[in-house]
């Protein structure tokens, strides 16, 4: 995308209630320098610092969104990818790792999956929803199978029209972009026959007499 187009795209999404963040060109990581943060993790190539920075920034932005001016500054003359912060306004994004997992789920929830924003990723799909209560980023399970991730508080997703180094890309499904439809409200993951942890974990916890709680 041309920088001007990308800047206006991010600002238009902000007006629709979505927070866009700059990602490094060809990749999925936040471009901290474009956001005026010092990328501490690059000095020692430390993954723990990177994950802390990304989670913290995503959580902070979900609670205190950037202004139009900040968004314009981040994306001015920017040639990288675009991320979308989850959690803001209880935005929950189902990140299905592959088409099989998404298609199996969407067949059961055809009406919901056809009237909410959905993007195709290089290998799977992203489904944009809003929950009644705040949710936390986690894994995504359908039955006993792990099918992807939940992006909510503390998380972000690579958004359309980003392109990875291998040429694969992200794109909104026809008539299902944020400019066409709004994220549909849902009660919880459980109401979608999904869960944040494997059902086996609760079995292990009971056997080992460890306490647990359902995060969603």
C-alpha atoms as a PDB file:
ATOM      1  CA  UNK A   1       0.000   0.000   0.000  1.00  0.00           C
ATOM      2  CA  UNK A   2       1.063   3.591  -0.503  1.00  0.00           C
ATOM      3  CA  UNK A   3       1.793   5.344   2.830  1.00  0.00           C
ATOM      4  CA  UNK A   4      -1.050   7.893   2.410  1.00  0.00           C
ATOM      5  CA  UNK A   5      -3.589   5.126   1.751  1.00  0.00           C
ATOM      6  CA  UNK A   6      -2.362   3.127   4.745  1.00  0.00           C
ATOM      7  CA  UNK A   7      -2.540   6.197   6.996  1.00  0.00           C
ATOM      8  CA  UNK A   8      -6.104   7.030   6.004  1.00  0.00           C
ATOM      9  CA  UNK A   9      -7.075   3.356   6.254  1.00  0.00           C
ATOM     10  CA  UNK A  10      -5.843   3.221   9.864  1.00  0.00           C
ATOM     11  CA  UNK A  11      -7.679   6.438  10.735  1.00  0.00           C
ATOM     12  CA  UNK A  12     -10.910   5.250   9.114  1.00  0.00           C
ATOM     13  CA  UNK A  13     -10.713   2.014  11.113  1.00  0.00           C
ATOM     14  CA  UNK A  14     -10.115   4.039  14.284  1.00  0.00           C
ATOM     15  CA  UNK A  15     -13.355   5.896  13.576  1.00  0.00           C
ATOM     16  CA  UNK A  16     -15.082   2.491  13.379  1.00  0.00           C
ATOM     17  CA  UNK A  17     -13.751   1.504  16.817  1.00  0.00           C
ATOM     18  CA  UNK A  18     -10.639  -0.442  15.751  1.00  0.00           C
ATOM     19  CA  UNK A  19      -7.114   0.410  16.895  1.00  0.00           C
ATOM     20  CA  UNK A  20      -4.477  -0.070  14.207  1.00  0.00           C
ATOM     21  CA  UNK A  21      -0.795  -0.466  15.034  1.00  0.00           C
ATOM     22  CA  UNK A  22       2.212  -0.524  12.695  1.00  0.00           C
ATOM     23  CA  UNK A  23       3.920  -3.881  12.182  1.00  0.00           C
ATOM     24  CA  UNK A  24       7.366  -4.475  10.761  1.00  0.00           C
ATOM     25  CA  UNK A  25       7.543  -4.780   6.991  1.00  0.00           C
ATOM     26  CA  UNK A  26       6.858  -8.333   5.845  1.00  0.00           C
ATOM     27  CA  UNK A  27       6.250  -9.535   9.407  1.00  0.00           C
ATOM     28  CA  UNK A  28       3.915  -9.813  12.388  1.00  0.00           C
ATOM     29  CA  UNK A  29       5.845  -7.969  15.108  1.00  0.00           C
ATOM     30  CA  UNK A  30       4.994  -4.494  16.362  1.00  0.00           C
ATOM     31  CA  UNK A  31       7.193  -1.797  14.884  1.00  0.00           C
ATOM     32  CA  UNK A  32       8.058  -0.200  18.207  1.00  0.00           C
ATOM     33  CA  UNK A  33      10.227   2.508  16.667  1.00  0.00           C
ATOM     34  CA  UNK A  34       7.352   3.678  14.449  1.00  0.00           C
ATOM     35  CA  UNK A  35       5.244   3.870  17.638  1.00  0.00           C
ATOM     36  CA  UNK A  36       8.010   5.877  19.350  1.00  0.00           C
ATOM     37  CA  UNK A  37       8.940   3.132  21.820  1.00  0.00           C
ATOM     38  CA  UNK A  38      12.527   2.022  22.382  1.00  0.00           C
ATOM     39  CA  UNK A  39      12.791  -1.636  21.222  1.00  0.00           C
ATOM     40  CA  UNK A  40      14.722  -2.954  24.224  1.00  0.00           C
ATOM     41  CA  UNK A  41      14.302  -6.565  23.144  1.00  0.00           C
ATOM     42  CA  UNK A  42      16.397  -6.037  20.019  1.00  0.00           C
ATOM     43  CA  UNK A  43      19.531  -5.217  22.019  1.00  0.00           C
ATOM     44  CA  UNK A  44      19.875  -8.680  23.499  1.00  0.00           C
ATOM     45  CA  UNK A  45      17.459 -10.491  21.170  1.00  0.00           C
ATOM     46  CA  UNK A  46      15.384 -11.365  24.227  1.00  0.00           C
ATOM     47  CA  UNK A  47      12.052 -13.037  23.544  1.00  0.00           C
ATOM     48  CA  UNK A  48      10.768 -12.403  27.077  1.00  0.00           C
ATOM     49  CA  UNK A  49      11.210  -8.637  26.693  1.00  0.00           C
ATOM     50  CA  UNK A  50       9.544  -8.720  23.290  1.00  0.00           C
ATOM     51  CA  UNK A  51       6.504 -10.599  24.588  1.00  0.00           C
ATOM     52  CA  UNK A  52       6.253  -8.313  27.634  1.00  0.00           C
ATOM     53  CA  UNK A  53       6.420  -5.196  25.458  1.00  0.00           C
ATOM     54  CA  UNK A  54       3.870  -6.456  22.934  1.00  0.00           C
ATOM     55  CA  UNK A  55       1.361  -7.606  25.581  1.00  0.00           C
ATOM     56  CA  UNK A  56       1.769  -4.450  27.640  1.00  0.00           C
ATOM     57  CA  UNK A  57       1.394  -2.092  24.691  1.00  0.00           C
ATOM     58  CA  UNK A  58      -1.625  -3.969  23.348  1.00  0.00           C
ATOM     59  CA  UNK A  59      -3.300  -3.904  26.773  1.00  0.00           C
ATOM     60  CA  UNK A  60      -2.518  -0.226  27.303  1.00  0.00           C
ATOM     61  CA  UNK A  61      -3.915   0.751  23.910  1.00  0.00           C
ATOM     62  CA  UNK A  62      -7.084  -1.281  24.485  1.00  0.00           C
ATOM     63  CA  UNK A  63      -7.723   0.828  27.589  1.00  0.00           C
ATOM     64  CA  UNK A  64      -6.476   4.153  26.247  1.00  0.00           C
ATOM     65  CA  UNK A  65      -6.801   4.261  22.442  1.00  0.00           C
ATOM     66  CA  UNK A  66      -4.496   6.474  20.397  1.00  0.00           C
ATOM     67  CA  UNK A  67      -5.782   9.738  18.982  1.00  0.00           C
ATOM     68  CA  UNK A  68      -6.171  10.406  15.273  1.00  0.00           C
ATOM     69  CA  UNK A  69      -3.000  12.488  15.460  1.00  0.00           C
ATOM     70  CA  UNK A  70      -1.016   9.664  17.082  1.00  0.00           C
ATOM     71  CA  UNK A  71      -2.295   7.172  14.530  1.00  0.00           C
ATOM     72  CA  UNK A  72      -1.411   9.528  11.696  1.00  0.00           C
ATOM     73  CA  UNK A  73       2.087   9.966  13.128  1.00  0.00           C
ATOM     74  CA  UNK A  74       2.637   6.218  13.470  1.00  0.00           C
ATOM     75  CA  UNK A  75       1.657   5.515   9.866  1.00  0.00           C
ATOM     76  CA  UNK A  76       3.132   8.591   8.183  1.00  0.00           C
ATOM     77  CA  UNK A  77       5.545   7.426   5.472  1.00  0.00           C
ATOM     78  CA  UNK A  78       5.130   3.888   6.788  1.00  0.00           C
ATOM     79  CA  UNK A  79       5.609   0.904   4.484  1.00  0.00           C
ATOM     80  CA  UNK A  80       5.101  -2.015   6.881  1.00  0.00           C
ATOM     81  CA  UNK A  81       2.106  -4.130   7.804  1.00  0.00           C
ATOM     82  CA  UNK A  82      -0.996  -3.285   9.826  1.00  0.00           C
ATOM     83  CA  UNK A  83      -2.046  -4.842  13.123  1.00  0.00           C
ATOM     84  CA  UNK A  84      -5.400  -4.560  14.904  1.00  0.00           C
ATOM     85  CA  UNK A  85      -5.471  -4.434  18.705  1.00  0.00           C
ATOM     86  CA  UNK A  86      -7.947  -6.770  20.401  1.00  0.00           C
ATOM     87  CA  UNK A  87      -9.761  -6.126  23.667  1.00  0.00           C
ATOM     88  CA  UNK A  88     -10.817  -2.542  22.956  1.00  0.00           C
ATOM     89  CA  UNK A  89     -14.584  -2.341  23.377  1.00  0.00           C
ATOM     90  CA  UNK A  90     -14.420  -6.051  24.268  1.00  0.00           C
ATOM     91  CA  UNK A  91     -13.297  -6.888  20.733  1.00  0.00           C
ATOM     92  CA  UNK A  92     -12.564 -10.621  20.545  1.00  0.00           C
ATOM     93  CA  UNK A  93     -10.898 -12.167  17.502  1.00  0.00           C
ATOM     94  CA  UNK A  94     -10.976 -15.895  16.814  1.00  0.00           C
ATOM     95  CA  UNK A  95      -7.721 -16.752  15.060  1.00  0.00           C
ATOM     96  CA  UNK A  96      -8.240 -20.128  13.374  1.00  0.00           C
ATOM     97  CA  UNK A  97      -4.896 -21.659  12.382  1.00  0.00           C
ATOM     98  CA  UNK A  98      -6.274 -23.475   9.343  1.00  0.00           C
ATOM     99  CA  UNK A  99      -9.280 -23.547   7.044  1.00  0.00           C
ATOM    100  CA  UNK A 100     -10.498 -26.917   8.333  1.00  0.00           C
ATOM    101  CA  UNK A 101     -10.962 -25.636  11.879  1.00  0.00           C
ATOM    102  CA  UNK A 102     -12.761 -22.507  10.719  1.00  0.00           C
ATOM    103  CA  UNK A 103     -15.028 -24.310   8.246  1.00  0.00           C
ATOM    104  CA  UNK A 104     -16.046 -26.920  10.827  1.00  0.00           C
ATOM    105  CA  UNK A 105     -16.949 -24.168  13.298  1.00  0.00           C
ATOM    106  CA  UNK A 106     -18.591 -21.828  10.760  1.00  0.00           C
ATOM    107  CA  UNK A 107     -20.867 -24.610   9.525  1.00  0.00           C
ATOM    108  CA  UNK A 108     -22.371 -24.785  13.026  1.00  0.00           C
ATOM    109  CA  UNK A 109     -22.577 -20.999  13.299  1.00  0.00           C
ATOM    110  CA  UNK A 110     -23.318 -20.085   9.699  1.00  0.00           C
ATOM    111  CA  UNK A 111     -25.513 -17.080  10.438  1.00  0.00           C
ATOM    112  CA  UNK A 112     -23.021 -15.545  12.878  1.00  0.00           C
ATOM    113  CA  UNK A 113     -19.984 -16.181  10.707  1.00  0.00           C
ATOM    114  CA  UNK A 114     -21.674 -14.634   7.663  1.00  0.00           C
ATOM    115  CA  UNK A 115     -22.636 -11.309   9.244  1.00  0.00           C
ATOM    116  CA  UNK A 116     -19.548 -10.327  11.232  1.00  0.00           C
ATOM    117  CA  UNK A 117     -16.126  -9.156   9.986  1.00  0.00           C
ATOM    118  CA  UNK A 118     -14.003 -12.072   8.780  1.00  0.00           C
ATOM    119  CA  UNK A 119     -10.545 -11.998   7.214  1.00  0.00           C
ATOM    120  CA  UNK A 120      -8.644 -14.731   5.429  1.00  0.00           C
ATOM    121  CA  UNK A 121      -5.109 -15.242   6.746  1.00  0.00           C
ATOM    122  CA  UNK A 122      -2.352 -17.109   4.856  1.00  0.00           C
ATOM    123  CA  UNK A 123      -3.463 -20.420   6.408  1.00  0.00           C
ATOM    124  CA  UNK A 124      -6.752 -19.798   8.194  1.00  0.00           C
ATOM    125  CA  UNK A 125      -9.312 -17.165   9.153  1.00  0.00           C
ATOM    126  CA  UNK A 126      -9.860 -14.343  11.660  1.00  0.00           C
ATOM    127  CA  UNK A 127     -13.385 -13.827  13.025  1.00  0.00           C
ATOM    128  CA  UNK A 128     -14.144 -10.483  14.710  1.00  0.00           C
ATOM    129  CA  UNK A 129     -16.725 -10.464  17.532  1.00  0.00           C
ATOM    130  CA  UNK A 130     -17.574  -8.515  20.684  1.00  0.00           C
ATOM    131  CA  UNK A 131     -18.170 -10.086  24.080  1.00  0.00           C
ATOM    132  CA  UNK A 132     -20.370  -8.853  26.916  1.00  0.00           C
ATOM    133  CA  UNK A 133     -17.533  -9.182  29.441  1.00  0.00           C
ATOM    134  CA  UNK A 134     -13.796  -8.487  28.958  1.00  0.00           C
ATOM    135  CA  UNK A 135     -11.810 -11.492  27.737  1.00  0.00           C
ATOM    136  CA  UNK A 136      -8.103 -12.340  27.859  1.00  0.00           C
ATOM    137  CA  UNK A 137      -5.951 -13.610  25.000  1.00  0.00           C
ATOM    138  CA  UNK A 138      -5.498 -17.371  25.114  1.00  0.00           C
ATOM    139  CA  UNK A 139      -5.370 -20.560  23.101  1.00  0.00           C
ATOM    140  CA  UNK A 140      -8.490 -21.655  21.206  1.00  0.00           C
ATOM    141  CA  UNK A 141      -9.924 -25.162  21.513  1.00  0.00           C
ATOM    142  CA  UNK A 142     -12.820 -26.842  19.754  1.00  0.00           C
ATOM    143  CA  UNK A 143     -13.566 -30.022  21.665  1.00  0.00           C
ATOM    144  CA  UNK A 144     -10.188 -31.556  22.470  1.00  0.00           C
ATOM    145  CA  UNK A 145      -8.489 -30.060  19.412  1.00  0.00           C
ATOM    146  CA  UNK A 146      -6.468 -26.876  19.540  1.00  0.00           C
ATOM    147  CA  UNK A 147      -7.597 -24.851  16.532  1.00  0.00           C
ATOM    148  CA  UNK A 148      -5.850 -21.528  17.068  1.00  0.00           C
ATOM    149  CA  UNK A 149      -5.765 -18.538  19.374  1.00  0.00           C
ATOM    150  CA  UNK A 150      -8.125 -16.052  20.979  1.00  0.00           C
ATOM    151  CA  UNK A 151      -7.003 -12.472  20.601  1.00  0.00           C
ATOM    152  CA  UNK A 152      -8.510 -10.263  23.318  1.00  0.00           C
ATOM    153  CA  UNK A 153      -6.952  -8.121  26.087  1.00  0.00           C
ATOM    154  CA  UNK A 154      -3.184  -8.116  25.725  1.00  0.00           C
ATOM    155  CA  UNK A 155      -3.272  -9.269  22.120  1.00  0.00           C
ATOM    156  CA  UNK A 156      -3.333  -8.062  18.542  1.00  0.00           C
ATOM    157  CA  UNK A 157      -3.816  -9.623  15.146  1.00  0.00           C
ATOM    158  CA  UNK A 158      -2.192  -9.065  11.760  1.00  0.00           C
ATOM    159  CA  UNK A 159      -4.816  -7.250   9.725  1.00  0.00           C
ATOM    160  CA  UNK A 160      -5.762  -6.890   6.096  1.00  0.00           C
ATOM    161  CA  UNK A 161      -4.104  -5.876   3.765  1.00  0.00           C
ATOM    162  CA  UNK A 162      -0.791  -7.006   5.293  1.00  0.00           C
ATOM    163  CA  UNK A 163       1.676  -9.033   3.231  1.00  0.00           C
ATOM    164  CA  UNK A 164       4.311 -11.381   4.688  1.00  0.00           C
ATOM    165  CA  UNK A 165       7.827 -11.864   3.357  1.00  0.00           C
ATOM    166  CA  UNK A 166       6.829 -15.022   1.504  1.00  0.00           C
ATOM    167  CA  UNK A 167       4.151 -13.124  -0.426  1.00  0.00           C
ATOM    168  CA  UNK A 168       1.174 -14.553   1.500  1.00  0.00           C
ATOM    169  CA  UNK A 169      -1.398 -11.990   2.551  1.00  0.00           C
ATOM    170  CA  UNK A 170      -4.429 -11.107   4.671  1.00  0.00           C
ATOM    171  CA  UNK A 171      -7.698  -9.986   3.100  1.00  0.00           C
ATOM    172  CA  UNK A 172     -11.272  -9.296   4.210  1.00  0.00           C
ATOM    173  CA  UNK A 173     -13.922 -11.646   2.901  1.00  0.00           C
ATOM    174  CA  UNK A 174     -16.307 -10.087   0.386  1.00  0.00           C
ATOM    175  CA  UNK A 175     -18.850  -7.837   2.123  1.00  0.00           C
ATOM    176  CA  UNK A 176     -17.391  -8.752   5.535  1.00  0.00           C
ATOM    177  CA  UNK A 177     -14.909  -5.985   6.238  1.00  0.00           C
ATOM    178  CA  UNK A 178     -15.350  -3.589   9.208  1.00  0.00           C
ATOM    179  CA  UNK A 179     -16.711  -1.066   6.705  1.00  0.00           C
ATOM    180  CA  UNK A 180     -19.471  -3.498   5.683  1.00  0.00           C
ATOM    181  CA  UNK A 181     -20.569  -5.092   8.967  1.00  0.00           C
ATOM    182  CA  UNK A 182     -20.035  -4.604  12.704  1.00  0.00           C
ATOM    183  CA  UNK A 183     -18.633  -7.304  15.013  1.00  0.00           C
ATOM    184  CA  UNK A 184     -21.535  -9.376  16.282  1.00  0.00           C
ATOM    185  CA  UNK A 185     -22.075  -9.628  20.063  1.00  0.00           C
ATOM    186  CA  UNK A 186     -21.588 -13.004  21.747  1.00  0.00           C
ATOM    187  CA  UNK A 187     -21.840 -14.076  25.371  1.00  0.00           C
ATOM    188  CA  UNK A 188     -18.592 -16.017  25.641  1.00  0.00           C
ATOM    189  CA  UNK A 189     -16.417 -18.652  24.003  1.00  0.00           C
ATOM    190  CA  UNK A 190     -18.586 -21.324  25.588  1.00  0.00           C
ATOM    191  CA  UNK A 191     -21.616 -19.962  23.731  1.00  0.00           C
ATOM    192  CA  UNK A 192     -19.703 -20.665  20.513  1.00  0.00           C
ATOM    193  CA  UNK A 193     -18.782 -24.261  21.476  1.00  0.00           C
ATOM    194  CA  UNK A 194     -15.193 -23.095  21.995  1.00  0.00           C
ATOM    195  CA  UNK A 195     -12.904 -22.821  24.998  1.00  0.00           C
ATOM    196  CA  UNK A 196      -9.620 -21.225  26.029  1.00  0.00           C
ATOM    197  CA  UNK A 197      -7.994 -24.317  27.514  1.00  0.00           C
ATOM    198  CA  UNK A 198      -7.968 -28.011  26.744  1.00  0.00           C
ATOM    199  CA  UNK A 199     -10.675 -30.009  28.558  1.00  0.00           C
ATOM    200  CA  UNK A 200      -7.887 -32.387  29.566  1.00  0.00           C
ATOM    201  CA  UNK A 201      -6.321 -29.664  31.707  1.00  0.00           C
ATOM    202  CA  UNK A 202      -9.296 -29.646  34.053  1.00  0.00           C
ATOM    203  CA  UNK A 203      -9.072 -33.431  34.340  1.00  0.00           C
ATOM    204  CA  UNK A 204      -5.401 -33.154  35.264  1.00  0.00           C
ATOM    205  CA  UNK A 205      -6.174 -30.388  37.764  1.00  0.00           C
ATOM    206  CA  UNK A 206      -8.815 -32.485  39.454  1.00  0.00           C
ATOM    207  CA  UNK A 207      -6.567 -35.551  39.616  1.00  0.00           C
ATOM    208  CA  UNK A 208      -3.696 -33.471  41.010  1.00  0.00           C
ATOM    209  CA  UNK A 209      -6.100 -31.563  43.279  1.00  0.00           C
ATOM    210  CA  UNK A 210      -5.061 -28.239  41.839  1.00  0.00           C
ATOM    211  CA  UNK A 211      -7.433 -25.311  41.837  1.00  0.00           C
ATOM    212  CA  UNK A 212      -8.455 -23.716  38.558  1.00  0.00           C
ATOM    213  CA  UNK A 213     -10.911 -21.239  37.164  1.00  0.00           C
ATOM    214  CA  UNK A 214     -12.379 -20.625  33.751  1.00  0.00           C
ATOM    215  CA  UNK A 215     -10.852 -17.469  32.241  1.00  0.00           C
ATOM    216  CA  UNK A 216     -13.791 -17.091  29.834  1.00  0.00           C
END
